C-alpha atoms as a PDB file:
ATOM      1  CA  MET A   1       0.000   0.000   0.000  1.00  0.00           C
ATOM      2  CA  LEU A   2       2.816   2.401   0.889  1.00  0.00           C
ATOM      3  CA  LEU A   3       4.453   1.725  -2.462  1.00  0.00           C
ATOM      4  CA  ILE A   4       1.242   2.579  -4.305  1.00  0.00           C
ATOM      5  CA  VAL A   5       0.789   5.856  -2.399  1.00  0.00           C
ATOM      6  CA  THR A   6       4.416   6.821  -3.009  1.00  0.00           C
ATOM      7  CA  SER A   7       4.086   6.080  -6.723  1.00  0.00           C
ATOM      8  CA  VAL A   8       0.927   8.197  -7.002  1.00  0.00           C
ATOM      9  CA  LEU A   9       2.578  11.129  -5.203  1.00  0.00           C
ATOM     10  CA  VAL A  10       5.673  10.944  -7.408  1.00  0.00           C
ATOM     11  CA  LEU A  11       3.548  10.852 -10.559  1.00  0.00           C
ATOM     12  CA  ALA A  12       1.438  13.791  -9.380  1.00  0.00           C
ATOM     13  CA  THR A  13       4.594  15.789  -8.596  1.00  0.00           C
ATOM     14  CA  VAL A  14       6.083  15.138 -12.027  1.00  0.00           C
ATOM     15  CA  LEU A  15       2.853  16.018 -13.874  1.00  0.00           C
ATOM     16  CA  PHE A  16       1.574  19.009 -11.918  1.00  0.00           C
ATOM     17  CA  ILE A  17       4.122  20.676  -9.627  1.00  0.00           C
ATOM     18  CA  ALA A  18       7.494  19.976 -11.214  1.00  0.00           C
ATOM     19  CA  GLY A  19       7.741  23.654 -12.210  1.00  0.00           C
ATOM     20  CA  VAL A  20       7.899  24.664  -8.552  1.00  0.00           C
ATOM     21  CA  PHE A  21      11.339  23.079  -8.289  1.00  0.00           C
ATOM     22  CA  LYS A  22      12.895  24.585 -11.405  1.00  0.00           C
ATOM     23  CA  ASN A  23      14.239  27.659  -9.617  1.00  0.00           C
ATOM     24  CA  LEU A  24      15.760  25.793  -6.681  1.00  0.00           C
ATOM     25  CA  PRO A  25      19.571  26.165  -6.334  1.00  0.00           C
ATOM     26  CA  ASP A  26      21.621  23.292  -7.707  1.00  0.00           C
ATOM     27  CA  THR A  27      22.984  22.574  -4.238  1.00  0.00           C
ATOM     28  CA  ILE A  28      19.491  21.851  -2.921  1.00  0.00           C
ATOM     29  CA  LEU A  29      18.673  19.622  -5.881  1.00  0.00           C
ATOM     30  CA  ALA A  30      21.986  17.830  -5.371  1.00  0.00           C
ATOM     31  CA  ALA A  31      21.171  17.282  -1.695  1.00  0.00           C
ATOM     32  CA  VAL A  32      17.774  15.839  -2.622  1.00  0.00           C
ATOM     33  CA  LEU A  33      19.413  13.526  -5.165  1.00  0.00           C
ATOM     34  CA  ILE A  34      22.109  12.384  -2.732  1.00  0.00           C
ATOM     35  CA  HIS A  35      19.505  11.644  -0.092  1.00  0.00           C
ATOM     36  CA  ALA A  36      17.426   9.687  -2.601  1.00  0.00           C
ATOM     37  CA  VAL A  37      20.294   7.441  -3.717  1.00  0.00           C
ATOM     38  CA  SER A  38      22.124   7.160  -0.409  1.00  0.00           C
ATOM     39  CA  GLY A  39      20.135   4.090   0.507  1.00  0.00           C
ATOM     40  CA  MET A  40      21.298   2.397  -2.681  1.00  0.00           C
ATOM     41  CA  ILE A  41      24.989   2.551  -1.710  1.00  0.00           C
ATOM     42  CA  ASP A  42      25.886  -0.263   0.639  1.00  0.00           C
ATOM     43  CA  PHE A  43      29.546  -0.130   1.646  1.00  0.00           C
ATOM     44  CA  SER A  44      29.163  -3.358   3.612  1.00  0.00           C
ATOM     45  CA  LYS A  45      28.844  -5.170   0.274  1.00  0.00           C
ATOM     46  CA  LEU A  46      32.090  -3.586  -0.899  1.00  0.00           C
ATOM     47  CA  ARG A  47      33.778  -4.801   2.295  1.00  0.00           C
ATOM     48  CA  ARG A  48      32.426  -8.273   1.634  1.00  0.00           C
ATOM     49  CA  LEU A  49      33.806  -8.224  -1.920  1.00  0.00           C
ATOM     50  CA  TRP A  50      37.183  -7.020  -0.615  1.00  0.00           C
ATOM     51  CA  ARG A  51      37.339 -10.015   1.731  1.00  0.00           C
ATOM     52  CA  ALA A  52      35.936 -12.597  -0.673  1.00  0.00           C
ATOM     53  CA  HIS A  53      36.999 -11.671  -4.209  1.00  0.00           C
ATOM     54  CA  LEU A  54      39.274  -8.768  -5.140  1.00  0.00           C
ATOM     55  CA  GLY A  55      38.348  -9.008  -8.816  1.00  0.00           C
ATOM     56  CA  GLU A  56      34.675  -8.349  -8.102  1.00  0.00           C
ATOM     57  CA  PHE A  57      35.640  -5.604  -5.634  1.00  0.00           C
ATOM     58  CA  TRP A  58      37.573  -3.664  -8.266  1.00  0.00           C
ATOM     59  CA  LEU A  59      34.760  -4.244 -10.761  1.00  0.00           C
ATOM     60  CA  ALA A  60      32.197  -2.728  -8.392  1.00  0.00           C
ATOM     61  CA  THR A  61      34.544   0.113  -7.412  1.00  0.00           C
ATOM     62  CA  GLY A  62      35.271   0.937 -11.058  1.00  0.00           C
ATOM     63  CA  ALA A  63      31.585   1.064 -11.941  1.00  0.00           C
ATOM     64  CA  LEU A  64      30.819   3.214  -8.883  1.00  0.00           C
ATOM     65  CA  ALA A  65      33.657   5.620  -9.687  1.00  0.00           C
ATOM     66  CA  GLY A  66      32.449   5.887 -13.288  1.00  0.00           C
ATOM     67  CA  VAL A  67      28.947   6.822 -12.157  1.00  0.00           C
ATOM     68  CA  VAL A  68      30.170   9.372  -9.583  1.00  0.00           C
ATOM     69  CA  ILE A  69      32.958  10.982 -11.622  1.00  0.00           C
ATOM     70  CA  ILE A  70      31.583  10.819 -15.175  1.00  0.00           C
ATOM     71  CA  ASP A  71      27.907   9.935 -15.496  1.00  0.00           C
ATOM     72  CA  VAL A  72      25.456   7.090 -15.002  1.00  0.00           C
ATOM     73  CA  LEU A  73      25.648   5.639 -18.525  1.00  0.00           C
ATOM     74  CA  PRO A  74      29.476   5.689 -18.702  1.00  0.00           C
ATOM     75  CA  GLY A  75      29.583   4.100 -15.246  1.00  0.00           C
ATOM     76  CA  VAL A  76      27.283   1.306 -16.388  1.00  0.00           C
ATOM     77  CA  LEU A  77      29.408   0.779 -19.517  1.00  0.00           C
ATOM     78  CA  ILE A  78      32.561   0.632 -17.376  1.00  0.00           C
ATOM     79  CA  GLY A  79      30.888  -2.010 -15.195  1.00  0.00           C
ATOM     80  CA  VAL A  80      29.896  -4.066 -18.258  1.00  0.00           C
ATOM     81  CA  ALA A  81      33.423  -3.826 -19.727  1.00  0.00           C
ATOM     82  CA  LEU A  82      35.055  -4.832 -16.443  1.00  0.00           C
ATOM     83  CA  SER A  83      32.608  -7.741 -16.057  1.00  0.00           C
ATOM     84  CA  PHE A  84      33.513  -8.967 -19.537  1.00  0.00           C
ATOM     85  CA  MET A  85      37.228  -8.711 -18.754  1.00  0.00           C
ATOM     86  CA  LEU A  86      36.755 -10.639 -15.492  1.00  0.00           C
ATOM     87  CA  LEU A  87      34.817 -13.362 -17.338  1.00  0.00           C
ATOM     88  CA  ILE A  88      37.551 -13.718 -19.986  1.00  0.00           C
ATOM     89  CA  ARG A  89      40.201 -13.927 -17.268  1.00  0.00           C
ATOM     90  CA  ARG A  90      38.289 -16.694 -15.485  1.00  0.00           C
ATOM     91  CA  LEU A  91      37.957 -18.647 -18.727  1.00  0.00           C
ATOM     92  CA  ASP A  92      41.610 -18.066 -19.556  1.00  0.00           C
ATOM     93  CA  HIS A  93      42.795 -19.315 -16.142  1.00  0.00           C
ATOM     94  CA  PRO A  94      40.973 -22.630 -15.654  1.00  0.00           C
ATOM     95  CA  THR A  95      41.596 -24.894 -12.697  1.00  0.00           C
ATOM     96  CA  ILE A  96      43.051 -28.290 -13.564  1.00  0.00           C
ATOM     97  CA  GLU A  97      43.170 -30.760 -10.683  1.00  0.00           C
ATOM     98  CA  VAL A  98      44.889 -34.125 -10.418  1.00  0.00           C
ATOM     99  CA  LEU A  99      42.557 -36.516  -8.624  1.00  0.00           C
ATOM    100  CA  GLY A 100      43.506 -39.444  -6.439  1.00  0.00           C
ATOM    101  CA  ARG A 101      41.554 -42.258  -4.855  1.00  0.00           C
ATOM    102  CA  ALA A 102      40.334 -41.453  -1.361  1.00  0.00           C
ATOM    103  CA  PRO A 103      40.904 -43.976   1.470  1.00  0.00           C
ATOM    104  CA  ASP A 104      37.300 -45.215   1.141  1.00  0.00           C
ATOM    105  CA  GLY A 105      38.160 -46.408  -2.369  1.00  0.00           C
ATOM    106  CA  SER A 106      34.965 -45.073  -3.932  1.00  0.00           C
ATOM    107  CA  THR A 107      35.573 -41.333  -4.264  1.00  0.00           C
ATOM    108  CA  TYR A 108      38.253 -39.227  -5.893  1.00  0.00           C
ATOM    109  CA  ALA A 109      39.623 -35.919  -4.631  1.00  0.00           C
ATOM    110  CA  ASP A 110      42.230 -33.302  -5.518  1.00  0.00           C
ATOM    111  CA  VAL A 111      45.598 -34.625  -4.350  1.00  0.00           C
ATOM    112  CA  ALA A 112      46.828 -31.065  -3.739  1.00  0.00           C
ATOM    113  CA  THR A 113      44.262 -30.457  -1.009  1.00  0.00           C
ATOM    114  CA  ASN A 114      43.664 -34.025   0.169  1.00  0.00           C
ATOM    115  CA  PRO A 115      46.933 -35.650   1.312  1.00  0.00           C
ATOM    116  CA  ASP A 116      45.173 -38.984   1.866  1.00  0.00           C
ATOM    117  CA  ALA A 117      44.164 -39.268  -1.805  1.00  0.00           C
ATOM    118  CA  ARG A 118      46.454 -41.594  -3.741  1.00  0.00           C
ATOM    119  CA  ALA A 119      47.157 -41.758  -7.460  1.00  0.00           C
ATOM    120  CA  VAL A 120      46.018 -44.882  -9.292  1.00  0.00           C
ATOM    121  CA  PRO A 121      48.943 -46.771 -10.875  1.00  0.00           C
ATOM    122  CA  GLY A 122      48.902 -46.497 -14.646  1.00  0.00           C
ATOM    123  CA  VAL A 123      46.002 -44.029 -14.625  1.00  0.00           C
ATOM    124  CA  LEU A 124      46.062 -40.229 -14.520  1.00  0.00           C
ATOM    125  CA  VAL A 125      42.761 -38.666 -13.436  1.00  0.00           C
ATOM    126  CA  CYS A 126      42.392 -34.939 -14.140  1.00  0.00           C
ATOM    127  CA  ALA A 127      39.470 -32.584 -13.568  1.00  0.00           C
ATOM    128  CA  PHE A 128      39.024 -29.492 -15.750  1.00  0.00           C
ATOM    129  CA  ARG A 129      37.021 -26.863 -13.871  1.00  0.00           C
ATOM    130  CA  ALA A 130      35.793 -24.463 -16.580  1.00  0.00           C
ATOM    131  CA  PRO A 131      33.817 -24.411 -19.824  1.00  0.00           C
ATOM    132  CA  LEU A 132      36.008 -25.883 -22.568  1.00  0.00           C
ATOM    133  CA  VAL A 133      35.903 -23.055 -25.111  1.00  0.00           C
ATOM    134  CA  PHE A 134      38.136 -21.071 -27.467  1.00  0.00           C
ATOM    135  CA  ALA A 135      39.597 -18.981 -24.647  1.00  0.00           C
ATOM    136  CA  ASN A 136      41.211 -21.925 -22.866  1.00  0.00           C
ATOM    137  CA  SER A 137      41.369 -24.767 -25.419  1.00  0.00           C
ATOM    138  CA  GLU A 138      45.110 -24.323 -25.990  1.00  0.00           C
ATOM    139  CA  ILE A 139      45.776 -24.329 -22.231  1.00  0.00           C
ATOM    140  CA  PHE A 140      43.678 -27.502 -22.002  1.00  0.00           C
ATOM    141  CA  THR A 141      45.671 -29.449 -24.591  1.00  0.00           C
ATOM    142  CA  ASP A 142      49.087 -28.135 -23.533  1.00  0.00           C
ATOM    143  CA  GLU A 143      48.574 -28.781 -19.818  1.00  0.00           C
ATOM    144  CA  LEU A 144      47.103 -32.264 -20.169  1.00  0.00           C
ATOM    145  CA  THR A 145      49.652 -33.311 -22.786  1.00  0.00           C
ATOM    146  CA  THR A 146      52.441 -32.188 -20.461  1.00  0.00           C
ATOM    147  CA  ARG A 147      50.955 -34.124 -17.552  1.00  0.00           C
ATOM    148  CA  THR A 148      50.501 -37.337 -19.553  1.00  0.00           C
ATOM    149  CA  THR A 149      54.061 -37.286 -20.912  1.00  0.00           C
ATOM    150  CA  ALA A 150      55.651 -36.711 -17.497  1.00  0.00           C
ATOM    151  CA  SER A 151      57.315 -39.647 -15.767  1.00  0.00           C
ATOM    152  CA  PRO A 152      55.882 -42.056 -14.827  1.00  0.00           C
ATOM    153  CA  ARG A 153      53.764 -42.033 -17.966  1.00  0.00           C
ATOM    154  CA  PRO A 154      50.208 -43.283 -17.460  1.00  0.00           C
ATOM    155  CA  ASP A 155      48.562 -45.780 -19.788  1.00  0.00           C
ATOM    156  CA  THR A 156      45.237 -43.929 -19.573  1.00  0.00           C
ATOM    157  CA  LEU A 157      44.118 -40.359 -19.001  1.00  0.00           C
ATOM    158  CA  ILE A 158      40.685 -40.013 -17.421  1.00  0.00           C
ATOM    159  CA  LEU A 159      39.135 -36.580 -17.763  1.00  0.00           C
ATOM    160  CA  ASP A 160      36.572 -35.802 -15.063  1.00  0.00           C
ATOM    161  CA  CYS A 161      34.130 -33.559 -16.958  1.00  0.00           C
ATOM    162  CA  ASP A 162      31.839 -32.724 -14.063  1.00  0.00           C
ATOM    163  CA  GLY A 163      33.290 -29.183 -13.997  1.00  0.00           C
ATOM    164  CA  ILE A 164      32.806 -28.656 -17.760  1.00  0.00           C
ATOM    165  CA  PRO A 165      29.298 -27.224 -18.240  1.00  0.00           C
ATOM    166  CA  GLU A 166      29.816 -26.334 -21.899  1.00  0.00           C
ATOM    167  CA  VAL A 167      31.998 -27.165 -24.908  1.00  0.00           C
ATOM    168  CA  ASP A 168      32.238 -25.183 -28.143  1.00  0.00           C
ATOM    169  CA  THR A 169      33.653 -26.315 -31.493  1.00  0.00           C
ATOM    170  CA  THR A 170      37.163 -25.146 -30.589  1.00  0.00           C
ATOM    171  CA  GLY A 171      36.931 -27.100 -27.346  1.00  0.00           C
ATOM    172  CA  ALA A 172      35.765 -30.168 -29.284  1.00  0.00           C
ATOM    173  CA  ASP A 173      38.780 -29.797 -31.562  1.00  0.00           C
ATOM    174  CA  ALA A 174      40.977 -29.694 -28.448  1.00  0.00           C
ATOM    175  CA  LEU A 175      39.472 -32.993 -27.295  1.00  0.00           C
ATOM    176  CA  ARG A 176      40.157 -34.530 -30.705  1.00  0.00           C
ATOM    177  CA  GLN A 177      43.728 -33.234 -30.658  1.00  0.00           C
ATOM    178  CA  LEU A 178      44.308 -34.607 -27.157  1.00  0.00           C
ATOM    179  CA  HIS A 179      42.851 -37.977 -28.191  1.00  0.00           C
ATOM    180  CA  ASP A 180      45.096 -38.157 -31.272  1.00  0.00           C
ATOM    181  CA  THR A 181      48.201 -37.115 -29.337  1.00  0.00           C
ATOM    182  CA  LEU A 182      47.622 -39.736 -26.664  1.00  0.00           C
ATOM    183  CA  GLY A 183      46.860 -42.354 -29.295  1.00  0.00           C
ATOM    184  CA  SER A 184      50.175 -41.702 -31.039  1.00  0.00           C
ATOM    185  CA  LEU A 185      51.916 -42.305 -27.693  1.00  0.00           C
ATOM    186  CA  GLY A 186      50.066 -45.534 -26.998  1.00  0.00           C
ATOM    187  CA  GLN A 187      47.819 -43.963 -24.359  1.00  0.00           C
ATOM    188  CA  ARG A 188      44.038 -43.793 -24.089  1.00  0.00           C
ATOM    189  CA  LEU A 189      41.581 -41.021 -23.239  1.00  0.00           C
ATOM    190  CA  LEU A 190      38.443 -41.760 -21.212  1.00  0.00           C
ATOM    191  CA  LEU A 191      35.797 -39.260 -20.112  1.00  0.00           C
ATOM    192  CA  ALA A 192      33.799 -39.450 -16.887  1.00  0.00           C
ATOM    193  CA  ARG A 193      30.766 -37.579 -15.546  1.00  0.00           C
ATOM    194  CA  VAL A 194      29.970 -35.800 -18.818  1.00  0.00           C
ATOM    195  CA  ASN A 195      26.680 -33.916 -18.639  1.00  0.00           C
ATOM    196  CA  LYS A 196      23.972 -34.615 -21.209  1.00  0.00           C
ATOM    197  CA  ALA A 197      24.248 -31.242 -22.969  1.00  0.00           C
ATOM    198  CA  VAL A 198      27.967 -31.764 -23.594  1.00  0.00           C
ATOM    199  CA  ILE A 199      27.434 -35.340 -24.789  1.00  0.00           C
ATOM    200  CA  ASP A 200      24.693 -34.214 -27.169  1.00  0.00           C
ATOM    201  CA  PHE A 201      26.950 -31.495 -28.560  1.00  0.00           C
ATOM    202  CA  LEU A 202      29.888 -33.866 -29.027  1.00  0.00           C
ATOM    203  CA  ARG A 203      27.568 -36.296 -30.785  1.00  0.00           C
ATOM    204  CA  ARG A 204      26.169 -33.612 -33.140  1.00  0.00           C
ATOM    205  CA  ASP A 205      29.678 -32.339 -33.811  1.00  0.00           C
ATOM    206  CA  ARG A 206      30.780 -35.945 -34.518  1.00  0.00           C
ATOM    207  CA  THR A 207      33.541 -35.639 -31.959  1.00  0.00           C
ATOM    208  CA  LEU A 208      32.259 -38.852 -30.399  1.00  0.00           C
ATOM    209  CA  ASP A 209      33.043 -40.596 -33.698  1.00  0.00           C
ATOM    210  CA  THR A 210      36.681 -39.921 -32.808  1.00  0.00           C
ATOM    211  CA  LEU A 211      36.544 -40.437 -29.042  1.00  0.00           C
ATOM    212  CA  GLY A 212      34.178 -43.397 -29.186  1.00  0.00           C
ATOM    213  CA  GLU A 213      30.904 -43.836 -27.298  1.00  0.00           C
ATOM    214  CA  HIS A 214      32.624 -46.557 -25.253  1.00  0.00           C
ATOM    215  CA  ALA A 215      35.069 -43.969 -23.858  1.00  0.00           C
ATOM    216  CA  ILE A 216      32.423 -42.219 -21.731  1.00  0.00           C
ATOM    217  CA  TYR A 217      31.595 -43.401 -18.190  1.00  0.00           C
ATOM    218  CA  PRO A 218      29.046 -42.146 -15.651  1.00  0.00           C
ATOM    219  CA  THR A 219      31.546 -42.011 -12.768  1.00  0.00           C
ATOM    220  CA  VAL A 220      35.288 -41.658 -12.285  1.00  0.00           C
ATOM    221  CA  ARG A 221      35.323 -44.926 -10.375  1.00  0.00           C
ATOM    222  CA  GLU A 222      33.834 -46.839 -13.315  1.00  0.00           C
ATOM    223  CA  ALA A 223      36.273 -45.180 -15.706  1.00  0.00           C
ATOM    224  CA  VAL A 224      39.209 -46.218 -13.503  1.00  0.00           C
ATOM    225  CA  THR A 225      37.909 -49.781 -13.326  1.00  0.00           C
ATOM    226  CA  ALA A 226      37.596 -49.860 -17.114  1.00  0.00           C
ATOM    227  CA  ALA A 227      41.096 -48.422 -17.548  1.00  0.00           C
ATOM    228  CA  GLN A 228      42.599 -51.047 -15.259  1.00  0.00           C
ATOM    229  CA  SER A 229      40.817 -53.845 -17.109  1.00  0.00           C
ATOM    230  CA  ILE A 230      42.197 -52.810 -20.492  1.00  0.00           C
ATOM    231  CA  GLU A 231      45.075 -55.022 -21.509  1.00  0.00           C
ATOM    232  CA  ARG A 232      48.217 -52.910 -21.590  1.00  0.00           C
ATOM    233  CA  ARG A 233      49.503 -53.317 -25.099  1.00  0.00           C
ATOM    234  CA  PRO A 234      50.495 -51.015 -27.984  1.00  0.00           C
ATOM    235  CA  LEU A 235      47.494 -49.684 -29.847  1.00  0.00           C
ATOM    236  CA  ASP A 236      46.721 -51.244 -33.203  1.00  0.00           C
ATOM    237  CA  GLU A 237      46.932 -48.959 -36.205  1.00  0.00           C
ATOM    238  CA  GLU A 238      43.151 -49.125 -36.541  1.00  0.00           C
ATOM    239  CA  GLU A 239      42.777 -47.733 -32.992  1.00  0.00           C
ATOM    240  CA  ILE A 240      44.933 -44.678 -33.729  1.00  0.00           C
ATOM    241  CA  VAL A 241      42.576 -42.124 -35.278  1.00  0.00           C
END
Protein backbone atom coordinates (compact mmCIF):
# COMPACT_ATOMS: atom_id res chain seq x y z
CA MET A 1 0.00 0.00 0.00
CA LEU A 2 2.82 2.40 0.89
CA LEU A 3 4.45 1.72 -2.46
CA ILE A 4 1.24 2.58 -4.30
CA VAL A 5 0.79 5.86 -2.40
CA THR A 6 4.42 6.82 -3.01
CA SER A 7 4.09 6.08 -6.72
CA VAL A 8 0.93 8.20 -7.00
CA LEU A 9 2.58 11.13 -5.20
CA VAL A 10 5.67 10.94 -7.41
CA LEU A 11 3.55 10.85 -10.56
CA ALA A 12 1.44 13.79 -9.38
CA THR A 13 4.59 15.79 -8.60
CA VAL A 14 6.08 15.14 -12.03
CA LEU A 15 2.85 16.02 -13.87
CA PHE A 16 1.57 19.01 -11.92
CA ILE A 17 4.12 20.68 -9.63
CA ALA A 18 7.49 19.98 -11.21
CA GLY A 19 7.74 23.65 -12.21
CA VAL A 20 7.90 24.66 -8.55
CA PHE A 21 11.34 23.08 -8.29
CA LYS A 22 12.89 24.59 -11.40
CA ASN A 23 14.24 27.66 -9.62
CA LEU A 24 15.76 25.79 -6.68
CA PRO A 25 19.57 26.17 -6.33
CA ASP A 26 21.62 23.29 -7.71
CA THR A 27 22.98 22.57 -4.24
CA ILE A 28 19.49 21.85 -2.92
CA LEU A 29 18.67 19.62 -5.88
CA ALA A 30 21.99 17.83 -5.37
CA ALA A 31 21.17 17.28 -1.69
CA VAL A 32 17.77 15.84 -2.62
CA LEU A 33 19.41 13.53 -5.17
CA ILE A 34 22.11 12.38 -2.73
CA HIS A 35 19.51 11.64 -0.09
CA ALA A 36 17.43 9.69 -2.60
CA VAL A 37 20.29 7.44 -3.72
CA SER A 38 22.12 7.16 -0.41
CA GLY A 39 20.14 4.09 0.51
CA MET A 40 21.30 2.40 -2.68
CA ILE A 41 24.99 2.55 -1.71
CA ASP A 42 25.89 -0.26 0.64
CA PHE A 43 29.55 -0.13 1.65
CA SER A 44 29.16 -3.36 3.61
CA LYS A 45 28.84 -5.17 0.27
CA LEU A 46 32.09 -3.59 -0.90
CA ARG A 47 33.78 -4.80 2.30
CA ARG A 48 32.43 -8.27 1.63
CA LEU A 49 33.81 -8.22 -1.92
CA TRP A 50 37.18 -7.02 -0.62
CA ARG A 51 37.34 -10.02 1.73
CA ALA A 52 35.94 -12.60 -0.67
CA HIS A 53 37.00 -11.67 -4.21
CA LEU A 54 39.27 -8.77 -5.14
CA GLY A 55 38.35 -9.01 -8.82
CA GLU A 56 34.68 -8.35 -8.10
CA PHE A 57 35.64 -5.60 -5.63
CA TRP A 58 37.57 -3.66 -8.27
CA LEU A 59 34.76 -4.24 -10.76
CA ALA A 60 32.20 -2.73 -8.39
CA THR A 61 34.54 0.11 -7.41
CA GLY A 62 35.27 0.94 -11.06
CA ALA A 63 31.58 1.06 -11.94
CA LEU A 64 30.82 3.21 -8.88
CA ALA A 65 33.66 5.62 -9.69
CA GLY A 66 32.45 5.89 -13.29
CA VAL A 67 28.95 6.82 -12.16
CA VAL A 68 30.17 9.37 -9.58
CA ILE A 69 32.96 10.98 -11.62
CA ILE A 70 31.58 10.82 -15.18
CA ASP A 71 27.91 9.93 -15.50
CA VAL A 72 25.46 7.09 -15.00
CA LEU A 73 25.65 5.64 -18.52
CA PRO A 74 29.48 5.69 -18.70
CA GLY A 75 29.58 4.10 -15.25
CA VAL A 76 27.28 1.31 -16.39
CA LEU A 77 29.41 0.78 -19.52
CA ILE A 78 32.56 0.63 -17.38
CA GLY A 79 30.89 -2.01 -15.19
CA VAL A 80 29.90 -4.07 -18.26
CA ALA A 81 33.42 -3.83 -19.73
CA LEU A 82 35.06 -4.83 -16.44
CA SER A 83 32.61 -7.74 -16.06
CA PHE A 84 33.51 -8.97 -19.54
CA MET A 85 37.23 -8.71 -18.75
CA LEU A 86 36.75 -10.64 -15.49
CA LEU A 87 34.82 -13.36 -17.34
CA ILE A 88 37.55 -13.72 -19.99
CA ARG A 89 40.20 -13.93 -17.27
CA ARG A 90 38.29 -16.69 -15.48
CA LEU A 91 37.96 -18.65 -18.73
CA ASP A 92 41.61 -18.07 -19.56
CA HIS A 93 42.80 -19.32 -16.14
CA PRO A 94 40.97 -22.63 -15.65
CA THR A 95 41.60 -24.89 -12.70
CA ILE A 96 43.05 -28.29 -13.56
CA GLU A 97 43.17 -30.76 -10.68
CA VAL A 98 44.89 -34.13 -10.42
CA LEU A 99 42.56 -36.52 -8.62
CA GLY A 100 43.51 -39.44 -6.44
CA ARG A 101 41.55 -42.26 -4.85
CA ALA A 102 40.33 -41.45 -1.36
CA PRO A 103 40.90 -43.98 1.47
CA ASP A 104 37.30 -45.22 1.14
CA GLY A 105 38.16 -46.41 -2.37
CA SER A 106 34.96 -45.07 -3.93
CA THR A 107 35.57 -41.33 -4.26
CA TYR A 108 38.25 -39.23 -5.89
CA ALA A 109 39.62 -35.92 -4.63
CA ASP A 110 42.23 -33.30 -5.52
CA VAL A 111 45.60 -34.63 -4.35
CA ALA A 112 46.83 -31.07 -3.74
CA THR A 113 44.26 -30.46 -1.01
CA ASN A 114 43.66 -34.03 0.17
CA PRO A 115 46.93 -35.65 1.31
CA ASP A 116 45.17 -38.98 1.87
CA ALA A 117 44.16 -39.27 -1.80
CA ARG A 118 46.45 -41.59 -3.74
CA ALA A 119 47.16 -41.76 -7.46
CA VAL A 120 46.02 -44.88 -9.29
CA PRO A 121 48.94 -46.77 -10.87
CA GLY A 122 48.90 -46.50 -14.65
CA VAL A 123 46.00 -44.03 -14.63
CA LEU A 124 46.06 -40.23 -14.52
CA VAL A 125 42.76 -38.67 -13.44
CA CYS A 126 42.39 -34.94 -14.14
CA ALA A 127 39.47 -32.58 -13.57
CA PHE A 128 39.02 -29.49 -15.75
CA ARG A 129 37.02 -26.86 -13.87
CA ALA A 130 35.79 -24.46 -16.58
CA PRO A 131 33.82 -24.41 -19.82
CA LEU A 132 36.01 -25.88 -22.57
CA VAL A 133 35.90 -23.06 -25.11
CA PHE A 134 38.14 -21.07 -27.47
CA ALA A 135 39.60 -18.98 -24.65
CA ASN A 136 41.21 -21.92 -22.87
CA SER A 137 41.37 -24.77 -25.42
CA GLU A 138 45.11 -24.32 -25.99
CA ILE A 139 45.78 -24.33 -22.23
CA PHE A 140 43.68 -27.50 -22.00
CA THR A 141 45.67 -29.45 -24.59
CA ASP A 142 49.09 -28.13 -23.53
CA GLU A 143 48.57 -28.78 -19.82
CA LEU A 144 47.10 -32.26 -20.17
CA THR A 145 49.65 -33.31 -22.79
CA THR A 146 52.44 -32.19 -20.46
CA ARG A 147 50.96 -34.12 -17.55
CA THR A 148 50.50 -37.34 -19.55
CA THR A 149 54.06 -37.29 -20.91
CA ALA A 150 55.65 -36.71 -17.50
CA SER A 151 57.32 -39.65 -15.77
CA PRO A 152 55.88 -42.06 -14.83
CA ARG A 153 53.76 -42.03 -17.97
CA PRO A 154 50.21 -43.28 -17.46
CA ASP A 155 48.56 -45.78 -19.79
CA THR A 156 45.24 -43.93 -19.57
CA LEU A 157 44.12 -40.36 -19.00
CA ILE A 158 40.69 -40.01 -17.42
CA LEU A 159 39.13 -36.58 -17.76
CA ASP A 160 36.57 -35.80 -15.06
CA CYS A 161 34.13 -33.56 -16.96
CA ASP A 162 31.84 -32.72 -14.06
CA GLY A 163 33.29 -29.18 -14.00
CA ILE A 164 32.81 -28.66 -17.76
CA PRO A 165 29.30 -27.22 -18.24
CA GLU A 166 29.82 -26.33 -21.90
CA VAL A 167 32.00 -27.16 -24.91
CA ASP A 168 32.24 -25.18 -28.14
CA THR A 169 33.65 -26.31 -31.49
CA THR A 170 37.16 -25.15 -30.59
CA GLY A 171 36.93 -27.10 -27.35
CA ALA A 172 35.77 -30.17 -29.28
CA ASP A 173 38.78 -29.80 -31.56
CA ALA A 174 40.98 -29.69 -28.45
CA LEU A 175 39.47 -32.99 -27.29
CA ARG A 176 40.16 -34.53 -30.70
CA GLN A 177 43.73 -33.23 -30.66
CA LEU A 178 44.31 -34.61 -27.16
CA HIS A 179 42.85 -37.98 -28.19
CA ASP A 180 45.10 -38.16 -31.27
CA THR A 181 48.20 -37.11 -29.34
CA LEU A 182 47.62 -39.74 -26.66
CA GLY A 183 46.86 -42.35 -29.29
CA SER A 184 50.17 -41.70 -31.04
CA LEU A 185 51.92 -42.30 -27.69
CA GLY A 186 50.07 -45.53 -27.00
CA GLN A 187 47.82 -43.96 -24.36
CA ARG A 188 44.04 -43.79 -24.09
CA LEU A 189 41.58 -41.02 -23.24
CA LEU A 190 38.44 -41.76 -21.21
CA LEU A 191 35.80 -39.26 -20.11
CA ALA A 192 33.80 -39.45 -16.89
CA ARG A 193 30.77 -37.58 -15.55
CA VAL A 194 29.97 -35.80 -18.82
CA ASN A 195 26.68 -33.92 -18.64
CA LYS A 196 23.97 -34.61 -21.21
CA ALA A 197 24.25 -31.24 -22.97
CA VAL A 198 27.97 -31.76 -23.59
CA ILE A 199 27.43 -35.34 -24.79
CA ASP A 200 24.69 -34.21 -27.17
CA PHE A 201 26.95 -31.50 -28.56
CA LEU A 202 29.89 -33.87 -29.03
CA ARG A 203 27.57 -36.30 -30.78
CA ARG A 204 26.17 -33.61 -33.14
CA ASP A 205 29.68 -32.34 -33.81
CA ARG A 206 30.78 -35.95 -34.52
CA THR A 207 33.54 -35.64 -31.96
CA LEU A 208 32.26 -38.85 -30.40
CA ASP A 209 33.04 -40.60 -33.70
CA THR A 210 36.68 -39.92 -32.81
CA LEU A 211 36.54 -40.44 -29.04
CA GLY A 212 34.18 -43.40 -29.19
CA GLU A 213 30.90 -43.84 -27.30
CA HIS A 214 32.62 -46.56 -25.25
CA ALA A 215 35.07 -43.97 -23.86
CA ILE A 216 32.42 -42.22 -21.73
CA TYR A 217 31.60 -43.40 -18.19
CA PRO A 218 29.05 -42.15 -15.65
CA THR A 219 31.55 -42.01 -12.77
CA VAL A 220 35.29 -41.66 -12.28
CA ARG A 221 35.32 -44.93 -10.38
CA GLU A 222 33.83 -46.84 -13.31
CA ALA A 223 36.27 -45.18 -15.71
CA VAL A 224 39.21 -46.22 -13.50
CA THR A 225 37.91 -49.78 -13.33
CA ALA A 226 37.60 -49.86 -17.11
CA ALA A 227 41.10 -48.42 -17.55
CA GLN A 228 42.60 -51.05 -15.26
CA SER A 229 40.82 -53.85 -17.11
CA ILE A 230 42.20 -52.81 -20.49
CA GLU A 231 45.08 -55.02 -21.51
CA ARG A 232 48.22 -52.91 -21.59
CA ARG A 233 49.50 -53.32 -25.10
CA PRO A 234 50.50 -51.02 -27.98
CA LEU A 235 47.49 -49.68 -29.85
CA ASP A 236 46.72 -51.24 -33.20
CA GLU A 237 46.93 -48.96 -36.21
CA GLU A 238 43.15 -49.13 -36.54
CA GLU A 239 42.78 -47.73 -32.99
CA ILE A 240 44.93 -44.68 -33.73
CA VAL A 241 42.58 -42.12 -35.28
